[in-house]
Amino acid sequence: MKQTKKVENPTERRVNHTRRMVTTAILSALSSVLMFFSFNVPLMPSFIKMDLSELPALIASFSMGPVYGAIVCLVKNLVNLLTTTTGGVGELSNFMLGVFFVVPAGIIYQLRPKFSGAVLGSLVGAAMMALLSVFSNYYVVYPIYTAFMPMDAIIGMYQAINPSVKTLWDCLIIFNMPFTFIKGMVSAVITIAVYRKLIPLINGKA
């Protein structure tokens, strides 16, 4: 027997729209706060920070779709532009990496809306973010950074940790790519660990 698709009435549509707006605002605010609490990590240059600000964006991507995850990434970086110390370059990089992470994760979860989909989406999203970070940094972020710091000085900060690196490609592949993957996986592990408690939100019943 063919099932008919449920059509939202105007009231339900307005309620769902309002709910999405409020949820997006809350998750964006939380993401902005978490980005403020970034910190340095050992064996990485001082301008590369660790934070958990992708966590709310990942939840938004699972609960409302990848577009909302990308919106959270955008809003948190616009907020952090108010106190930026990188001339907006750090925020641009963070936005791009966040989108690389939460959009694939959200698409996969939409195709498989259950625990296994959340796990697979998180893994693929973290891997995509790590891989694409190499190219976004090489072709976009670091060339802009050279307006503030010469490329030789940037590479020199990596060489102070590992003298064997010679080129920017070396720096990005040896340092940035594994760091970015780990950063994504930290948010993924936390999301997966509390998945069952997040089910009402993820299923739109919170």
C-alpha atoms as a PDB file:
ATOM      1  CA  MET A   1       0.000   0.000   0.000  1.00  0.00           C
ATOM      2  CA  LYS A   2       1.411   3.346  -1.069  1.00  0.00           C
ATOM      3  CA  GLN A   3       1.931   5.803   1.762  1.00  0.00           C
ATOM      4  CA  THR A   4       1.042   9.447   1.234  1.00  0.00           C
ATOM      5  CA  LYS A   5       3.507  12.058   2.354  1.00  0.00           C
ATOM      6  CA  LYS A   6       2.327  14.184   5.251  1.00  0.00           C
ATOM      7  CA  VAL A   7       1.865  17.827   4.278  1.00  0.00           C
ATOM      8  CA  GLU A   8       2.513  20.484   6.904  1.00  0.00           C
ATOM      9  CA  ASN A   9      -0.269  22.940   7.468  1.00  0.00           C
ATOM     10  CA  PRO A  10       0.638  26.653   7.686  1.00  0.00           C
ATOM     11  CA  THR A  11       0.659  26.621  11.488  1.00  0.00           C
ATOM     12  CA  GLU A  12       2.978  23.617  11.673  1.00  0.00           C
ATOM     13  CA  ARG A  13       5.225  25.234   9.080  1.00  0.00           C
ATOM     14  CA  ARG A  14       5.503  28.427  11.103  1.00  0.00           C
ATOM     15  CA  VAL A  15       6.178  26.509  14.322  1.00  0.00           C
ATOM     16  CA  ASN A  16       8.890  24.415  12.667  1.00  0.00           C
ATOM     17  CA  HIS A  17      10.457  27.499  11.086  1.00  0.00           C
ATOM     18  CA  THR A  18      10.505  29.299  14.433  1.00  0.00           C
ATOM     19  CA  ARG A  19      11.948  26.243  16.150  1.00  0.00           C
ATOM     20  CA  ARG A  20      14.761  26.019  13.608  1.00  0.00           C
ATOM     21  CA  MET A  21      15.563  29.707  13.961  1.00  0.00           C
ATOM     22  CA  VAL A  22      15.679  29.515  17.761  1.00  0.00           C
ATOM     23  CA  THR A  23      17.720  26.296  17.755  1.00  0.00           C
ATOM     24  CA  THR A  24      20.153  27.750  15.216  1.00  0.00           C
ATOM     25  CA  ALA A  25      20.569  30.904  17.306  1.00  0.00           C
ATOM     26  CA  ILE A  26      21.227  28.921  20.486  1.00  0.00           C
ATOM     27  CA  LEU A  27      23.733  26.590  18.816  1.00  0.00           C
ATOM     28  CA  SER A  28      25.455  29.543  17.115  1.00  0.00           C
ATOM     29  CA  ALA A  29      25.815  31.327  20.451  1.00  0.00           C
ATOM     30  CA  LEU A  30      27.216  28.198  22.082  1.00  0.00           C
ATOM     31  CA  SER A  31      29.601  27.683  19.175  1.00  0.00           C
ATOM     32  CA  SER A  32      30.804  31.299  19.441  1.00  0.00           C
ATOM     33  CA  VAL A  33      31.512  30.879  23.145  1.00  0.00           C
ATOM     34  CA  LEU A  34      33.414  27.638  22.575  1.00  0.00           C
ATOM     35  CA  MET A  35      35.515  29.336  19.887  1.00  0.00           C
ATOM     36  CA  PHE A  36      36.561  31.992  22.409  1.00  0.00           C
ATOM     37  CA  PHE A  37      38.022  29.191  24.554  1.00  0.00           C
ATOM     38  CA  SER A  38      40.531  28.049  21.938  1.00  0.00           C
ATOM     39  CA  PHE A  39      43.942  26.991  23.182  1.00  0.00           C
ATOM     40  CA  ASN A  40      47.387  26.057  21.920  1.00  0.00           C
ATOM     41  CA  VAL A  41      48.429  22.428  21.689  1.00  0.00           C
ATOM     42  CA  PRO A  42      51.897  20.867  21.920  1.00  0.00           C
ATOM     43  CA  LEU A  43      53.845  20.202  18.723  1.00  0.00           C
ATOM     44  CA  MET A  44      51.886  22.750  16.687  1.00  0.00           C
ATOM     45  CA  PRO A  45      52.780  26.360  15.749  1.00  0.00           C
ATOM     46  CA  SER A  46      51.306  28.943  18.115  1.00  0.00           C
ATOM     47  CA  PHE A  47      48.894  30.369  15.532  1.00  0.00           C
ATOM     48  CA  ILE A  48      47.054  27.029  15.239  1.00  0.00           C
ATOM     49  CA  LYS A  49      44.440  26.635  17.964  1.00  0.00           C
ATOM     50  CA  MET A  50      42.295  23.801  19.289  1.00  0.00           C
ATOM     51  CA  ASP A  51      38.634  24.414  20.092  1.00  0.00           C
ATOM     52  CA  LEU A  52      35.333  22.555  20.203  1.00  0.00           C
ATOM     53  CA  SER A  53      33.274  25.111  18.298  1.00  0.00           C
ATOM     54  CA  GLU A  54      32.371  22.618  15.547  1.00  0.00           C
ATOM     55  CA  LEU A  55      30.440  20.532  18.077  1.00  0.00           C
ATOM     56  CA  PRO A  56      27.243  22.681  18.064  1.00  0.00           C
ATOM     57  CA  ALA A  57      27.496  23.009  14.277  1.00  0.00           C
ATOM     58  CA  LEU A  58      27.626  19.228  13.947  1.00  0.00           C
ATOM     59  CA  ILE A  59      24.537  18.904  16.145  1.00  0.00           C
ATOM     60  CA  ALA A  60      22.772  21.506  13.968  1.00  0.00           C
ATOM     61  CA  SER A  61      23.717  19.584  10.841  1.00  0.00           C
ATOM     62  CA  PHE A  62      22.310  16.346  12.280  1.00  0.00           C
ATOM     63  CA  SER A  63      19.161  17.883  13.745  1.00  0.00           C
ATOM     64  CA  MET A  64      18.115  20.292  10.985  1.00  0.00           C
ATOM     65  CA  GLY A  65      20.270  19.544   7.973  1.00  0.00           C
ATOM     66  CA  PRO A  66      23.707  20.501   6.597  1.00  0.00           C
ATOM     67  CA  VAL A  67      22.620  24.024   5.615  1.00  0.00           C
ATOM     68  CA  TYR A  68      21.924  24.848   9.266  1.00  0.00           C
ATOM     69  CA  GLY A  69      25.280  23.388  10.294  1.00  0.00           C
ATOM     70  CA  ALA A  70      26.964  25.721   7.791  1.00  0.00           C
ATOM     71  CA  ILE A  71      24.930  28.668   9.136  1.00  0.00           C
ATOM     72  CA  VAL A  72      26.178  27.972  12.663  1.00  0.00           C
ATOM     73  CA  CYS A  73      29.760  27.917  11.332  1.00  0.00           C
ATOM     74  CA  LEU A  74      29.168  31.257   9.603  1.00  0.00           C
ATOM     75  CA  VAL A  75      27.525  33.000  12.559  1.00  0.00           C
ATOM     76  CA  LYS A  76      30.150  31.933  15.104  1.00  0.00           C
ATOM     77  CA  ASN A  77      32.928  33.314  12.906  1.00  0.00           C
ATOM     78  CA  LEU A  78      31.090  36.568  12.241  1.00  0.00           C
ATOM     79  CA  VAL A  79      30.738  36.990  16.015  1.00  0.00           C
ATOM     80  CA  ASN A  80      34.419  36.230  16.564  1.00  0.00           C
ATOM     81  CA  LEU A  81      35.401  38.815  13.966  1.00  0.00           C
ATOM     82  CA  LEU A  82      34.510  41.406  16.608  1.00  0.00           C
ATOM     83  CA  THR A  83      37.551  40.384  18.660  1.00  0.00           C
ATOM     84  CA  THR A  84      39.773  38.843  15.981  1.00  0.00           C
ATOM     85  CA  THR A  85      43.540  38.912  16.323  1.00  0.00           C
ATOM     86  CA  THR A  86      44.172  37.422  12.870  1.00  0.00           C
ATOM     87  CA  GLY A  87      42.629  40.079  10.653  1.00  0.00           C
ATOM     88  CA  GLY A  88      39.830  37.683   9.791  1.00  0.00           C
ATOM     89  CA  VAL A  89      42.142  35.043   8.310  1.00  0.00           C
ATOM     90  CA  GLY A  90      41.667  32.663  11.218  1.00  0.00           C
ATOM     91  CA  GLU A  91      37.911  33.081  11.034  1.00  0.00           C
ATOM     92  CA  LEU A  92      37.910  32.420   7.278  1.00  0.00           C
ATOM     93  CA  SER A  93      39.899  29.233   7.804  1.00  0.00           C
ATOM     94  CA  ASN A  94      37.678  28.122  10.679  1.00  0.00           C
ATOM     95  CA  PHE A  95      34.539  28.689   8.606  1.00  0.00           C
ATOM     96  CA  MET A  96      35.852  26.753   5.628  1.00  0.00           C
ATOM     97  CA  LEU A  97      37.023  23.823   7.748  1.00  0.00           C
ATOM     98  CA  GLY A  98      33.757  23.763   9.685  1.00  0.00           C
ATOM     99  CA  VAL A  99      31.746  23.557   6.463  1.00  0.00           C
ATOM    100  CA  PHE A 100      34.024  20.803   5.138  1.00  0.00           C
ATOM    101  CA  PHE A 101      33.212  18.874   8.338  1.00  0.00           C
ATOM    102  CA  VAL A 102      29.541  19.377   9.120  1.00  0.00           C
ATOM    103  CA  VAL A 103      28.068  19.445   5.604  1.00  0.00           C
ATOM    104  CA  PRO A 104      29.232  15.937   4.554  1.00  0.00           C
ATOM    105  CA  ALA A 105      28.337  14.638   8.022  1.00  0.00           C
ATOM    106  CA  GLY A 106      24.844  16.109   7.776  1.00  0.00           C
ATOM    107  CA  ILE A 107      24.253  14.788   4.254  1.00  0.00           C
ATOM    108  CA  ILE A 108      25.210  11.262   5.284  1.00  0.00           C
ATOM    109  CA  TYR A 109      23.008  11.456   8.386  1.00  0.00           C
ATOM    110  CA  GLN A 110      20.058  12.574   6.255  1.00  0.00           C
ATOM    111  CA  LEU A 111      20.555   9.474   4.109  1.00  0.00           C
ATOM    112  CA  ARG A 112      20.924   7.227   7.178  1.00  0.00           C
ATOM    113  CA  PRO A 113      19.131   8.909  10.114  1.00  0.00           C
ATOM    114  CA  LYS A 114      20.231   6.588  12.891  1.00  0.00           C
ATOM    115  CA  PHE A 115      23.218   5.967  15.151  1.00  0.00           C
ATOM    116  CA  SER A 116      25.304   4.292  12.453  1.00  0.00           C
ATOM    117  CA  GLY A 117      24.649   7.257  10.175  1.00  0.00           C
ATOM    118  CA  ALA A 118      25.875   9.655  12.858  1.00  0.00           C
ATOM    119  CA  VAL A 119      29.061   7.608  13.307  1.00  0.00           C
ATOM    120  CA  LEU A 120      29.717   7.287   9.572  1.00  0.00           C
ATOM    121  CA  GLY A 121      28.879  10.923   8.910  1.00  0.00           C
ATOM    122  CA  SER A 122      31.207  12.107  11.671  1.00  0.00           C
ATOM    123  CA  LEU A 123      34.088   9.957  10.407  1.00  0.00           C
ATOM    124  CA  VAL A 124      33.647  11.032   6.793  1.00  0.00           C
ATOM    125  CA  GLY A 125      33.230  14.669   7.810  1.00  0.00           C
ATOM    126  CA  ALA A 126      36.417  14.632   9.891  1.00  0.00           C
ATOM    127  CA  ALA A 127      38.340  12.950   7.066  1.00  0.00           C
ATOM    128  CA  MET A 128      37.012  15.426   4.478  1.00  0.00           C
ATOM    129  CA  MET A 129      37.912  18.363   6.708  1.00  0.00           C
ATOM    130  CA  ALA A 130      41.437  17.056   7.203  1.00  0.00           C
ATOM    131  CA  LEU A 131      42.021  16.372   3.507  1.00  0.00           C
ATOM    132  CA  LEU A 132      40.502  19.595   2.184  1.00  0.00           C
ATOM    133  CA  SER A 133      42.313  21.643   4.826  1.00  0.00           C
ATOM    134  CA  VAL A 134      45.553  20.996   2.973  1.00  0.00           C
ATOM    135  CA  PHE A 135      44.248  22.612  -0.211  1.00  0.00           C
ATOM    136  CA  SER A 136      42.263  25.430   1.413  1.00  0.00           C
ATOM    137  CA  ASN A 137      45.281  26.398   3.479  1.00  0.00           C
ATOM    138  CA  TYR A 138      47.733  26.146   0.592  1.00  0.00           C
ATOM    139  CA  TYR A 139      45.688  28.035  -1.987  1.00  0.00           C
ATOM    140  CA  VAL A 140      43.595  30.429   0.127  1.00  0.00           C
ATOM    141  CA  VAL A 141      44.420  30.860   3.820  1.00  0.00           C
ATOM    142  CA  TYR A 142      48.211  30.922   3.928  1.00  0.00           C
ATOM    143  CA  PRO A 143      48.598  33.201   0.890  1.00  0.00           C
ATOM    144  CA  ILE A 144      46.377  35.715   2.721  1.00  0.00           C
ATOM    145  CA  TYR A 145      48.421  35.177   5.896  1.00  0.00           C
ATOM    146  CA  THR A 146      51.536  36.360   4.056  1.00  0.00           C
ATOM    147  CA  ALA A 147      50.092  39.881   4.218  1.00  0.00           C
ATOM    148  CA  PHE A 148      50.858  39.730   7.956  1.00  0.00           C
ATOM    149  CA  MET A 149      53.803  37.327   8.061  1.00  0.00           C
ATOM    150  CA  PRO A 150      56.321  36.271   5.367  1.00  0.00           C
ATOM    151  CA  MET A 151      55.984  32.686   4.148  1.00  0.00           C
ATOM    152  CA  ASP A 152      59.554  31.946   5.256  1.00  0.00           C
ATOM    153  CA  ALA A 153      58.619  32.960   8.791  1.00  0.00           C
ATOM    154  CA  ILE A 154      55.504  30.761   8.707  1.00  0.00           C
ATOM    155  CA  ILE A 155      57.474  27.731   7.527  1.00  0.00           C
ATOM    156  CA  GLY A 156      60.140  28.595  10.092  1.00  0.00           C
ATOM    157  CA  MET A 157      57.599  28.131  12.904  1.00  0.00           C
ATOM    158  CA  TYR A 158      56.998  24.578  11.682  1.00  0.00           C
ATOM    159  CA  GLN A 159      60.721  23.960  11.257  1.00  0.00           C
ATOM    160  CA  ALA A 160      61.301  24.965  14.871  1.00  0.00           C
ATOM    161  CA  ILE A 161      59.248  21.883  15.783  1.00  0.00           C
ATOM    162  CA  ASN A 162      60.388  19.568  12.987  1.00  0.00           C
ATOM    163  CA  PRO A 163      63.498  20.734  11.088  1.00  0.00           C
ATOM    164  CA  SER A 164      62.891  18.177   8.324  1.00  0.00           C
ATOM    165  CA  VAL A 165      59.978  20.110   6.792  1.00  0.00           C
ATOM    166  CA  LYS A 166      61.049  22.177   3.799  1.00  0.00           C
ATOM    167  CA  THR A 167      57.958  23.374   1.968  1.00  0.00           C
ATOM    168  CA  LEU A 168      54.471  24.556   2.842  1.00  0.00           C
ATOM    169  CA  TRP A 169      53.107  21.268   1.468  1.00  0.00           C
ATOM    170  CA  ASP A 170      55.292  19.439   4.022  1.00  0.00           C
ATOM    171  CA  CYS A 171      53.948  21.613   6.836  1.00  0.00           C
ATOM    172  CA  LEU A 172      50.321  21.128   5.892  1.00  0.00           C
ATOM    173  CA  ILE A 173      50.530  17.378   5.338  1.00  0.00           C
ATOM    174  CA  ILE A 174      52.727  16.536   8.337  1.00  0.00           C
ATOM    175  CA  PHE A 175      51.177  18.957  10.845  1.00  0.00           C
ATOM    176  CA  ASN A 176      47.860  20.430   9.786  1.00  0.00           C
ATOM    177  CA  MET A 177      46.149  17.432   8.218  1.00  0.00           C
ATOM    178  CA  PRO A 178      46.444  15.026  11.206  1.00  0.00           C
ATOM    179  CA  PHE A 179      45.721  17.849  13.665  1.00  0.00           C
ATOM    180  CA  THR A 180      42.561  18.806  11.768  1.00  0.00           C
ATOM    181  CA  PHE A 181      41.398  15.191  11.664  1.00  0.00           C
ATOM    182  CA  ILE A 182      41.916  14.819  15.420  1.00  0.00           C
ATOM    183  CA  LYS A 183      40.074  18.095  16.026  1.00  0.00           C
ATOM    184  CA  GLY A 184      37.105  16.832  14.032  1.00  0.00           C
ATOM    185  CA  MET A 185      37.136  13.475  15.759  1.00  0.00           C
ATOM    186  CA  VAL A 186      37.044  15.081  19.213  1.00  0.00           C
ATOM    187  CA  SER A 187      33.753  16.792  18.324  1.00  0.00           C
ATOM    188  CA  ALA A 188      32.522  13.596  16.664  1.00  0.00           C
ATOM    189  CA  VAL A 189      33.323  11.418  19.683  1.00  0.00           C
ATOM    190  CA  ILE A 190      31.521  13.794  22.054  1.00  0.00           C
ATOM    191  CA  THR A 191      28.473  13.914  19.779  1.00  0.00           C
ATOM    192  CA  ILE A 192      28.389  10.138  19.407  1.00  0.00           C
ATOM    193  CA  ALA A 193      28.886   9.627  23.153  1.00  0.00           C
ATOM    194  CA  VAL A 194      25.804  11.697  23.985  1.00  0.00           C
ATOM    195  CA  TYR A 195      23.849  10.698  20.864  1.00  0.00           C
ATOM    196  CA  ARG A 196      20.994   9.039  22.728  1.00  0.00           C
ATOM    197  CA  LYS A 197      20.454  12.082  24.934  1.00  0.00           C
ATOM    198  CA  LEU A 198      20.450  14.251  21.818  1.00  0.00           C
ATOM    199  CA  ILE A 199      17.891  12.113  19.965  1.00  0.00           C
ATOM    200  CA  PRO A 200      14.916  14.410  20.870  1.00  0.00           C
ATOM    201  CA  LEU A 201      16.795  17.390  19.435  1.00  0.00           C
ATOM    202  CA  ILE A 202      18.153  15.491  16.441  1.00  0.00           C
ATOM    203  CA  ASN A 203      14.698  14.132  15.623  1.00  0.00           C
ATOM    204  CA  GLY A 204      13.115  17.538  15.974  1.00  0.00           C
ATOM    205  CA  LYS A 205      11.108  16.700  19.099  1.00  0.00           C
ATOM    206  CA  ALA A 206      12.907  18.832  21.651  1.00  0.00           C
END
